[in-house]
Amino acid sequence: MFEESELVYEAALDALRRGEPAALATVIEARGSTPRGVSTKMLVYADGRTLGTVGGGDVESRVIEDAKDAIAAGEARELDYRPVDEEPGASDICGAGMRIFVEPLVPRPHVLVIGAGHVGQAVAELADYLGYRIAVLDERPELVTAERFPWAGTLLAGDLAEEVQDFGPDEHTYVVMVTPHHSLDEKVLEVLADCPFAYVGLIGSRRRTMHTFERAREAGVPEDVLTRAHSPIGLDIGAETPREIAVSIIAEIIAAQRLGEAKMGGSES
């Protein structure tokens, strides 16, 4: 049992580090002659794969489906499985009953920094300090190095739009666009239009951003994506230096994460 628990914990930690959706199901009450006891754990992945077992049979099948629902909803839940002789339509678990706590493993959010200049460096350093996973992308390979970005778990160099597409932003990705020019920003926005990102912000003046958005509209980027884009990026704190700008950007990301876009008032573009 101890070896199985260790394997489940190790796999859960690995899923968190890789950002793979999963949920941990733990038996918190076992009534009668249940096949597994209290504290038994099973890891369930979003595609239905499992590691460990809470007893097999019908109840385990139901746990897997309920765990997949919990992953999709991003919400923990306590599940009570009763035997058929106690409740019509309940699971046949040999005259026993079980309560199982299902906890989705929410990965640490990613901050995807597009632009490896001074501001990008400062954003990556501060975001790492606050516990975010860091990915950095720039067209210039000489700037995207481990020496300049020791905090980054992912370093990408090449065509911005192609690299963002390959990276695959998800609902836990906060995109910080701090490119030295806006000539390719609309290409990135095209890619993001098909991705479930959590936040996107663009550095630059309102005039330059306006032209970027015009090109994005011409390329077919939906208006709701542009409405969600924050520009000028960051909260208005009068920031001037790269590190001060980084503070304003990360503060806005935290606000988006904790408060949501609706309470932030949406984009300023």
C-alpha atoms as a PDB file:
ATOM      1  CA  MET A   1       0.000   0.000   0.000  1.00  0.00           C
ATOM      2  CA  PHE A   2       2.809   2.399   0.891  1.00  0.00           C
ATOM      3  CA  GLU A   3       4.540   1.804  -2.437  1.00  0.00           C
ATOM      4  CA  GLU A   4       1.286   2.454  -4.299  1.00  0.00           C
ATOM      5  CA  SER A   5       0.737   5.700  -2.366  1.00  0.00           C
ATOM      6  CA  GLU A   6       4.253   6.862  -3.205  1.00  0.00           C
ATOM      7  CA  LEU A   7       3.699   6.167  -6.891  1.00  0.00           C
ATOM      8  CA  VAL A   8       0.426   8.107  -6.832  1.00  0.00           C
ATOM      9  CA  TYR A   9       2.017  11.079  -5.056  1.00  0.00           C
ATOM     10  CA  GLU A  10       4.984  11.079  -7.441  1.00  0.00           C
ATOM     11  CA  ALA A  11       2.696  10.954 -10.469  1.00  0.00           C
ATOM     12  CA  ALA A  12       0.548  13.751  -9.033  1.00  0.00           C
ATOM     13  CA  LEU A  13       3.616  15.940  -8.511  1.00  0.00           C
ATOM     14  CA  ASP A  14       4.809  15.140 -12.030  1.00  0.00           C
ATOM     15  CA  ALA A  15       1.407  16.115 -13.449  1.00  0.00           C
ATOM     16  CA  LEU A  16       1.520  19.419 -11.580  1.00  0.00           C
ATOM     17  CA  ARG A  17       5.018  20.191 -12.831  1.00  0.00           C
ATOM     18  CA  ARG A  18       4.089  19.355 -16.408  1.00  0.00           C
ATOM     19  CA  GLY A  19       0.796  21.194 -16.167  1.00  0.00           C
ATOM     20  CA  GLU A  20      -1.200  18.086 -17.088  1.00  0.00           C
ATOM     21  CA  PRO A  21      -4.815  18.164 -15.831  1.00  0.00           C
ATOM     22  CA  ALA A  22      -5.510  15.491 -13.210  1.00  0.00           C
ATOM     23  CA  ALA A  23      -7.378  14.899  -9.964  1.00  0.00           C
ATOM     24  CA  LEU A  24      -6.550  13.059  -6.778  1.00  0.00           C
ATOM     25  CA  ALA A  25      -9.339  10.843  -5.407  1.00  0.00           C
ATOM     26  CA  THR A  26      -9.011   9.906  -1.723  1.00  0.00           C
ATOM     27  CA  VAL A  27     -11.231   7.560   0.269  1.00  0.00           C
ATOM     28  CA  ILE A  28     -12.308   9.524   3.360  1.00  0.00           C
ATOM     29  CA  GLU A  29     -14.901   7.075   4.692  1.00  0.00           C
ATOM     30  CA  ALA A  30     -15.388   3.352   4.145  1.00  0.00           C
ATOM     31  CA  ARG A  31     -18.603   1.786   5.477  1.00  0.00           C
ATOM     32  CA  GLY A  32     -18.912  -1.964   5.688  1.00  0.00           C
ATOM     33  CA  SER A  33     -16.785  -4.392   3.683  1.00  0.00           C
ATOM     34  CA  THR A  34     -15.309  -2.014   1.146  1.00  0.00           C
ATOM     35  CA  PRO A  35     -12.353  -3.244  -0.946  1.00  0.00           C
ATOM     36  CA  ARG A  36     -10.141  -0.289   0.010  1.00  0.00           C
ATOM     37  CA  GLY A  37      -9.738   1.577   3.279  1.00  0.00           C
ATOM     38  CA  VAL A  38      -9.624   5.198   4.368  1.00  0.00           C
ATOM     39  CA  SER A  39      -6.786   7.290   2.846  1.00  0.00           C
ATOM     40  CA  THR A  40      -6.500   5.064  -0.246  1.00  0.00           C
ATOM     41  CA  LYS A  41      -5.719   7.250  -3.243  1.00  0.00           C
ATOM     42  CA  MET A  42      -6.151   7.116  -6.997  1.00  0.00           C
ATOM     43  CA  LEU A  43      -4.890   9.613  -9.566  1.00  0.00           C
ATOM     44  CA  VAL A  44      -7.251  10.296 -12.456  1.00  0.00           C
ATOM     45  CA  TYR A  45      -6.145  12.099 -15.611  1.00  0.00           C
ATOM     46  CA  ALA A  46      -8.439  14.179 -17.805  1.00  0.00           C
ATOM     47  CA  ASP A  47      -8.477  11.473 -20.483  1.00  0.00           C
ATOM     48  CA  GLY A  48      -9.595   8.818 -17.975  1.00  0.00           C
ATOM     49  CA  ARG A  49      -6.250   7.156 -17.353  1.00  0.00           C
ATOM     50  CA  THR A  50      -5.655   6.213 -13.727  1.00  0.00           C
ATOM     51  CA  LEU A  51      -2.910   5.258 -11.327  1.00  0.00           C
ATOM     52  CA  GLY A  52      -3.805   3.407  -8.160  1.00  0.00           C
ATOM     53  CA  THR A  53      -7.286   2.133  -7.338  1.00  0.00           C
ATOM     54  CA  VAL A  54     -10.138   2.806  -4.943  1.00  0.00           C
ATOM     55  CA  GLY A  55     -11.530  -0.680  -5.314  1.00  0.00           C
ATOM     56  CA  GLY A  56     -12.390  -1.308  -8.944  1.00  0.00           C
ATOM     57  CA  GLY A  57     -15.805  -2.179 -10.317  1.00  0.00           C
ATOM     58  CA  ASP A  58     -18.753   0.117 -10.701  1.00  0.00           C
ATOM     59  CA  VAL A  59     -17.783   2.543  -7.956  1.00  0.00           C
ATOM     60  CA  GLU A  60     -14.341   3.119  -9.457  1.00  0.00           C
ATOM     61  CA  SER A  61     -15.870   3.766 -12.868  1.00  0.00           C
ATOM     62  CA  ARG A  62     -18.129   6.365 -11.275  1.00  0.00           C
ATOM     63  CA  VAL A  63     -15.201   7.950  -9.436  1.00  0.00           C
ATOM     64  CA  ILE A  64     -13.296   8.256 -12.701  1.00  0.00           C
ATOM     65  CA  GLU A  65     -16.212   9.984 -14.445  1.00  0.00           C
ATOM     66  CA  ASP A  66     -16.843  12.265 -11.466  1.00  0.00           C
ATOM     67  CA  ALA A  67     -13.124  13.092 -11.285  1.00  0.00           C
ATOM     68  CA  LYS A  68     -13.088  14.021 -14.982  1.00  0.00           C
ATOM     69  CA  ASP A  69     -16.035  16.345 -14.317  1.00  0.00           C
ATOM     70  CA  ALA A  70     -14.169  17.880 -11.371  1.00  0.00           C
ATOM     71  CA  ILE A  71     -11.105  18.477 -13.566  1.00  0.00           C
ATOM     72  CA  ALA A  72     -13.223  20.187 -16.216  1.00  0.00           C
ATOM     73  CA  ALA A  73     -14.940  22.353 -13.604  1.00  0.00           C
ATOM     74  CA  GLY A  74     -11.760  23.028 -11.641  1.00  0.00           C
ATOM     75  CA  GLU A  75     -13.623  22.405  -8.396  1.00  0.00           C
ATOM     76  CA  ALA A  76     -13.053  19.901  -5.595  1.00  0.00           C
ATOM     77  CA  ARG A  77     -15.997  17.787  -4.533  1.00  0.00           C
ATOM     78  CA  GLU A  78     -16.950  15.226  -1.910  1.00  0.00           C
ATOM     79  CA  LEU A  79     -18.753  12.197  -3.318  1.00  0.00           C
ATOM     80  CA  ASP A  80     -20.930   9.743  -1.402  1.00  0.00           C
ATOM     81  CA  TYR A  81     -21.400   6.325  -2.996  1.00  0.00           C
ATOM     82  CA  ARG A  82     -24.151   4.270  -1.382  1.00  0.00           C
ATOM     83  CA  PRO A  83     -25.002   0.603  -1.941  1.00  0.00           C
ATOM     84  CA  VAL A  84     -28.039  -0.365  -3.978  1.00  0.00           C
ATOM     85  CA  ASP A  85     -29.957  -1.537  -0.940  1.00  0.00           C
ATOM     86  CA  GLU A  86     -29.764   1.960   0.571  1.00  0.00           C
ATOM     87  CA  GLU A  87     -30.567   4.166  -2.377  1.00  0.00           C
ATOM     88  CA  PRO A  88     -32.334   3.499  -5.709  1.00  0.00           C
ATOM     89  CA  GLY A  89     -29.937   3.804  -8.610  1.00  0.00           C
ATOM     90  CA  ALA A  90     -26.850   3.795  -6.378  1.00  0.00           C
ATOM     91  CA  SER A  91     -23.692   1.869  -7.139  1.00  0.00           C
ATOM     92  CA  ASP A  92     -23.455  -1.837  -6.411  1.00  0.00           C
ATOM     93  CA  ILE A  93     -20.439  -1.906  -4.098  1.00  0.00           C
ATOM     94  CA  CYS A  94     -21.041  -5.117  -2.240  1.00  0.00           C
ATOM     95  CA  GLY A  95     -23.379  -3.738   0.387  1.00  0.00           C
ATOM     96  CA  ALA A  96     -20.830  -1.142   1.517  1.00  0.00           C
ATOM     97  CA  GLY A  97     -20.600   2.606   1.202  1.00  0.00           C
ATOM     98  CA  MET A  98     -17.752   5.030   0.516  1.00  0.00           C
ATOM     99  CA  ARG A  99     -17.133   8.739   0.624  1.00  0.00           C
ATOM    100  CA  ILE A 100     -14.407   9.989  -1.656  1.00  0.00           C
ATOM    101  CA  PHE A 101     -12.855  13.446  -1.858  1.00  0.00           C
ATOM    102  CA  VAL A 102     -11.838  14.457  -5.372  1.00  0.00           C
ATOM    103  CA  GLU A 103      -9.313  17.275  -5.642  1.00  0.00           C
ATOM    104  CA  PRO A 104      -8.362  18.687  -9.064  1.00  0.00           C
ATOM    105  CA  LEU A 105      -4.630  19.346  -9.324  1.00  0.00           C
ATOM    106  CA  VAL A 106      -4.466  22.891 -10.604  1.00  0.00           C
ATOM    107  CA  PRO A 107      -1.062  23.570 -12.185  1.00  0.00           C
ATOM    108  CA  ARG A 108       0.867  26.718 -11.392  1.00  0.00           C
ATOM    109  CA  PRO A 109      -0.043  29.367 -13.968  1.00  0.00           C
ATOM    110  CA  HIS A 110       2.334  30.055 -16.826  1.00  0.00           C
ATOM    111  CA  VAL A 111       3.574  33.530 -17.670  1.00  0.00           C
ATOM    112  CA  LEU A 112       4.519  33.512 -21.340  1.00  0.00           C
ATOM    113  CA  VAL A 113       6.845  36.458 -21.953  1.00  0.00           C
ATOM    114  CA  ILE A 114       7.039  37.409 -25.627  1.00  0.00           C
ATOM    115  CA  GLY A 115      10.018  39.726 -25.929  1.00  0.00           C
ATOM    116  CA  ALA A 116      13.367  39.063 -24.266  1.00  0.00           C
ATOM    117  CA  GLY A 117      14.451  42.649 -23.671  1.00  0.00           C
ATOM    118  CA  HIS A 118      14.958  44.427 -20.343  1.00  0.00           C
ATOM    119  CA  VAL A 119      11.260  44.516 -19.473  1.00  0.00           C
ATOM    120  CA  GLY A 120      10.862  40.851 -20.406  1.00  0.00           C
ATOM    121  CA  GLN A 121      13.768  39.972 -18.124  1.00  0.00           C
ATOM    122  CA  ALA A 122      12.266  41.897 -15.221  1.00  0.00           C
ATOM    123  CA  VAL A 123       8.823  40.341 -15.744  1.00  0.00           C
ATOM    124  CA  ALA A 124      10.287  36.824 -15.820  1.00  0.00           C
ATOM    125  CA  GLU A 125      12.321  37.392 -12.663  1.00  0.00           C
ATOM    126  CA  LEU A 126       9.410  38.828 -10.680  1.00  0.00           C
ATOM    127  CA  ALA A 127       6.922  36.235 -11.939  1.00  0.00           C
ATOM    128  CA  ASP A 128       9.292  33.434 -10.923  1.00  0.00           C
ATOM    129  CA  TYR A 129       9.668  34.978  -7.464  1.00  0.00           C
ATOM    130  CA  LEU A 130       5.874  34.874  -7.106  1.00  0.00           C
ATOM    131  CA  GLY A 131       5.685  31.208  -8.081  1.00  0.00           C
ATOM    132  CA  TYR A 132       4.570  31.328 -11.713  1.00  0.00           C
ATOM    133  CA  ARG A 133       6.045  29.012 -14.312  1.00  0.00           C
ATOM    134  CA  ILE A 134       8.019  30.985 -16.881  1.00  0.00           C
ATOM    135  CA  ALA A 135       8.312  30.665 -20.652  1.00  0.00           C
ATOM    136  CA  VAL A 136      10.210  33.215 -22.755  1.00  0.00           C
ATOM    137  CA  LEU A 137       9.961  33.720 -26.511  1.00  0.00           C
ATOM    138  CA  ASP A 138      11.827  36.024 -28.857  1.00  0.00           C
ATOM    139  CA  GLU A 139      12.774  36.104 -32.535  1.00  0.00           C
ATOM    140  CA  ARG A 140      16.397  36.669 -31.525  1.00  0.00           C
ATOM    141  CA  PRO A 141      18.026  33.418 -30.324  1.00  0.00           C
ATOM    142  CA  GLU A 142      20.965  35.282 -28.835  1.00  0.00           C
ATOM    143  CA  LEU A 143      18.640  36.902 -26.290  1.00  0.00           C
ATOM    144  CA  VAL A 144      16.752  33.774 -25.248  1.00  0.00           C
ATOM    145  CA  THR A 145      19.453  32.104 -23.174  1.00  0.00           C
ATOM    146  CA  ALA A 146      19.646  30.417 -19.792  1.00  0.00           C
ATOM    147  CA  GLU A 147      22.206  33.024 -18.732  1.00  0.00           C
ATOM    148  CA  ARG A 148      19.754  35.866 -19.322  1.00  0.00           C
ATOM    149  CA  PHE A 149      16.696  33.934 -18.112  1.00  0.00           C
ATOM    150  CA  PRO A 150      17.762  31.491 -15.373  1.00  0.00           C
ATOM    151  CA  TRP A 151      14.170  31.570 -14.036  1.00  0.00           C
ATOM    152  CA  ALA A 152      12.578  30.234 -17.233  1.00  0.00           C
ATOM    153  CA  GLY A 153      11.540  26.608 -17.560  1.00  0.00           C
ATOM    154  CA  THR A 154      10.924  27.084 -21.285  1.00  0.00           C
ATOM    155  CA  LEU A 155      13.032  29.103 -23.722  1.00  0.00           C
ATOM    156  CA  LEU A 156      11.759  29.567 -27.281  1.00  0.00           C
ATOM    157  CA  ALA A 157      13.362  31.312 -30.258  1.00  0.00           C
ATOM    158  CA  GLY A 158      11.992  31.759 -33.755  1.00  0.00           C
ATOM    159  CA  ASP A 159       8.837  32.905 -35.481  1.00  0.00           C
ATOM    160  CA  LEU A 160       6.610  34.349 -32.762  1.00  0.00           C
ATOM    161  CA  ALA A 161       3.284  33.086 -34.043  1.00  0.00           C
ATOM    162  CA  GLU A 162       4.594  29.593 -34.810  1.00  0.00           C
ATOM    163  CA  GLU A 163       6.285  29.260 -31.420  1.00  0.00           C
ATOM    164  CA  VAL A 164       3.163  30.426 -29.561  1.00  0.00           C
ATOM    165  CA  GLN A 165       1.118  27.906 -31.540  1.00  0.00           C
ATOM    166  CA  ASP A 166       3.542  25.109 -30.603  1.00  0.00           C
ATOM    167  CA  PHE A 167       3.643  26.232 -26.967  1.00  0.00           C
ATOM    168  CA  GLY A 168      -0.133  25.858 -26.744  1.00  0.00           C
ATOM    169  CA  PRO A 169      -1.425  28.469 -24.275  1.00  0.00           C
ATOM    170  CA  ASP A 170      -4.274  27.305 -22.068  1.00  0.00           C
ATOM    171  CA  GLU A 171      -6.646  28.782 -19.496  1.00  0.00           C
ATOM    172  CA  HIS A 172      -3.743  29.011 -17.022  1.00  0.00           C
ATOM    173  CA  THR A 173      -1.480  31.034 -19.364  1.00  0.00           C
ATOM    174  CA  TYR A 174      -0.850  34.758 -18.911  1.00  0.00           C
ATOM    175  CA  VAL A 175       0.630  36.232 -22.082  1.00  0.00           C
ATOM    176  CA  VAL A 176       2.892  39.282 -21.742  1.00  0.00           C
ATOM    177  CA  MET A 177       3.712  40.831 -25.110  1.00  0.00           C
ATOM    178  CA  VAL A 178       6.698  43.153 -24.647  1.00  0.00           C
ATOM    179  CA  THR A 179       8.135  43.029 -28.146  1.00  0.00           C
ATOM    180  CA  PRO A 180      10.434  45.850 -29.283  1.00  0.00           C
ATOM    181  CA  HIS A 181       8.020  46.613 -32.121  1.00  0.00           C
ATOM    182  CA  HIS A 182       4.441  45.659 -32.941  1.00  0.00           C
ATOM    183  CA  SER A 183       5.004  44.386 -36.476  1.00  0.00           C
ATOM    184  CA  LEU A 184       4.238  40.753 -35.591  1.00  0.00           C
ATOM    185  CA  ASP A 185       1.964  41.216 -32.570  1.00  0.00           C
ATOM    186  CA  GLU A 186      -1.166  40.783 -34.673  1.00  0.00           C
ATOM    187  CA  LYS A 187       0.140  37.379 -35.799  1.00  0.00           C
ATOM    188  CA  VAL A 188       0.360  36.321 -32.153  1.00  0.00           C
ATOM    189  CA  LEU A 189      -3.159  37.623 -31.543  1.00  0.00           C
ATOM    190  CA  GLU A 190      -4.347  35.487 -34.470  1.00  0.00           C
ATOM    191  CA  VAL A 191      -2.967  32.410 -32.730  1.00  0.00           C
ATOM    192  CA  LEU A 192      -4.391  33.434 -29.346  1.00  0.00           C
ATOM    193  CA  ALA A 193      -7.824  33.806 -30.914  1.00  0.00           C
ATOM    194  CA  ASP A 194      -7.941  30.004 -31.044  1.00  0.00           C
ATOM    195  CA  CYS A 195      -6.454  29.431 -27.568  1.00  0.00           C
ATOM    196  CA  PRO A 196      -8.075  29.564 -24.096  1.00  0.00           C
ATOM    197  CA  PHE A 197      -5.595  32.025 -22.557  1.00  0.00           C
ATOM    198  CA  ALA A 198      -6.173  33.641 -19.148  1.00  0.00           C
ATOM    199  CA  TYR A 199      -4.742  37.098 -19.908  1.00  0.00           C
ATOM    200  CA  VAL A 200      -2.933  38.988 -22.650  1.00  0.00           C
ATOM    201  CA  GLY A 201      -1.318  42.404 -22.432  1.00  0.00           C
ATOM    202  CA  LEU A 202       0.637  44.460 -24.957  1.00  0.00           C
ATOM    203  CA  ILE A 203       3.292  47.029 -24.189  1.00  0.00           C
ATOM    204  CA  GLY A 204       3.448  50.212 -26.232  1.00  0.00           C
ATOM    205  CA  SER A 205       1.665  53.468 -26.835  1.00  0.00           C
ATOM    206  CA  ARG A 206      -2.042  53.628 -27.519  1.00  0.00           C
ATOM    207  CA  ARG A 207      -1.335  54.772 -31.082  1.00  0.00           C
ATOM    208  CA  ARG A 208       0.951  51.837 -31.893  1.00  0.00           C
ATOM    209  CA  THR A 209      -1.471  49.400 -30.284  1.00  0.00           C
ATOM    210  CA  MET A 210      -4.344  50.893 -32.266  1.00  0.00           C
ATOM    211  CA  HIS A 211      -2.480  50.142 -35.501  1.00  0.00           C
ATOM    212  CA  THR A 212      -1.735  46.606 -34.276  1.00  0.00           C
ATOM    213  CA  PHE A 213      -5.419  46.047 -33.555  1.00  0.00           C
ATOM    214  CA  GLU A 214      -6.365  47.397 -36.988  1.00  0.00           C
ATOM    215  CA  ARG A 215      -4.055  44.870 -38.641  1.00  0.00           C
ATOM    216  CA  ALA A 216      -5.423  42.142 -36.365  1.00  0.00           C
ATOM    217  CA  ARG A 217      -9.005  42.954 -37.375  1.00  0.00           C
ATOM    218  CA  GLU A 218      -8.014  42.816 -41.034  1.00  0.00           C
ATOM    219  CA  ALA A 219      -6.529  39.385 -40.359  1.00  0.00           C
ATOM    220  CA  GLY A 220      -9.842  38.210 -38.882  1.00  0.00           C
ATOM    221  CA  VAL A 221      -9.076  38.356 -35.157  1.00  0.00           C
ATOM    222  CA  PRO A 222     -12.460  38.485 -33.354  1.00  0.00           C
ATOM    223  CA  GLU A 223     -13.342  41.683 -31.526  1.00  0.00           C
ATOM    224  CA  ASP A 224     -13.837  39.861 -28.212  1.00  0.00           C
ATOM    225  CA  VAL A 225     -10.147  38.826 -28.260  1.00  0.00           C
ATOM    226  CA  LEU A 226      -9.053  42.421 -28.794  1.00  0.00           C
ATOM    227  CA  THR A 227     -11.420  43.588 -26.057  1.00  0.00           C
ATOM    228  CA  ARG A 228      -9.724  41.224 -23.621  1.00  0.00           C
ATOM    229  CA  ALA A 229      -6.245  42.510 -24.520  1.00  0.00           C
ATOM    230  CA  HIS A 230      -4.810  44.947 -21.975  1.00  0.00           C
ATOM    231  CA  SER A 231      -2.987  47.885 -23.512  1.00  0.00           C
ATOM    232  CA  PRO A 232      -1.202  49.861 -22.286  1.00  0.00           C
ATOM    233  CA  ILE A 233      -0.130  46.790 -20.330  1.00  0.00           C
ATOM    234  CA  GLY A 234       0.038  46.916 -16.535  1.00  0.00           C
ATOM    235  CA  LEU A 235      -1.676  48.908 -13.829  1.00  0.00           C
ATOM    236  CA  ASP A 236      -1.129  52.655 -13.962  1.00  0.00           C
ATOM    237  CA  ILE A 237       1.380  53.255 -11.134  1.00  0.00           C
ATOM    238  CA  GLY A 238       3.559  55.752 -12.975  1.00  0.00           C
ATOM    239  CA  ALA A 239       6.183  53.086 -13.678  1.00  0.00           C
ATOM    240  CA  GLU A 240       9.299  54.126 -15.596  1.00  0.00           C
ATOM    241  CA  THR A 241      12.123  51.597 -15.146  1.00  0.00           C
ATOM    242  CA  PRO A 242      11.945  48.007 -16.473  1.00  0.00           C
ATOM    243  CA  ARG A 243      11.497  46.638 -12.954  1.00  0.00           C
ATOM    244  CA  GLU A 244       8.800  49.173 -12.110  1.00  0.00           C
ATOM    245  CA  ILE A 245       6.998  48.279 -15.345  1.00  0.00           C
ATOM    246  CA  ALA A 246       7.329  44.609 -14.411  1.00  0.00           C
ATOM    247  CA  VAL A 247       5.670  45.331 -11.062  1.00  0.00           C
ATOM    248  CA  SER A 248       2.751  47.022 -12.835  1.00  0.00           C
ATOM    249  CA  ILE A 249       2.389  44.094 -15.266  1.00  0.00           C
ATOM    250  CA  ILE A 250       2.494  41.385 -12.613  1.00  0.00           C
ATOM    251  CA  ALA A 251       0.082  43.389 -10.453  1.00  0.00           C
ATOM    252  CA  GLU A 252      -2.374  43.412 -13.354  1.00  0.00           C
ATOM    253  CA  ILE A 253      -1.906  39.669 -13.859  1.00  0.00           C
ATOM    254  CA  ILE A 254      -2.598  39.041 -10.170  1.00  0.00           C
ATOM    255  CA  ALA A 255      -5.723  41.190 -10.402  1.00  0.00           C
ATOM    256  CA  ALA A 256      -6.906  39.220 -13.448  1.00  0.00           C
ATOM    257  CA  GLN A 257      -6.196  35.950 -11.649  1.00  0.00           C
ATOM    258  CA  ARG A 258      -7.776  36.844  -8.317  1.00  0.00           C
ATOM    259  CA  LEU A 259     -10.544  39.213  -9.319  1.00  0.00           C
ATOM    260  CA  GLY A 260     -11.353  38.249 -12.890  1.00  0.00           C
ATOM    261  CA  GLU A 261     -11.699  40.463 -15.930  1.00  0.00           C
ATOM    262  CA  ALA A 262     -15.208  41.661 -15.072  1.00  0.00           C
ATOM    263  CA  LYS A 263     -14.162  43.213 -11.759  1.00  0.00           C
ATOM    264  CA  MET A 264     -11.055  44.732 -13.363  1.00  0.00           C
ATOM    265  CA  GLY A 265     -13.198  46.631 -15.809  1.00  0.00           C
ATOM    266  CA  GLY A 266     -11.818  44.962 -18.952  1.00  0.00           C
ATOM    267  CA  SER A 267      -9.291  46.333 -21.428  1.00  0.00           C
ATOM    268  CA  GLU A 268      -8.221  49.930 -21.680  1.00  0.00           C
ATOM    269  CA  SER A 269      -7.449  49.670 -25.392  1.00  0.00           C
END
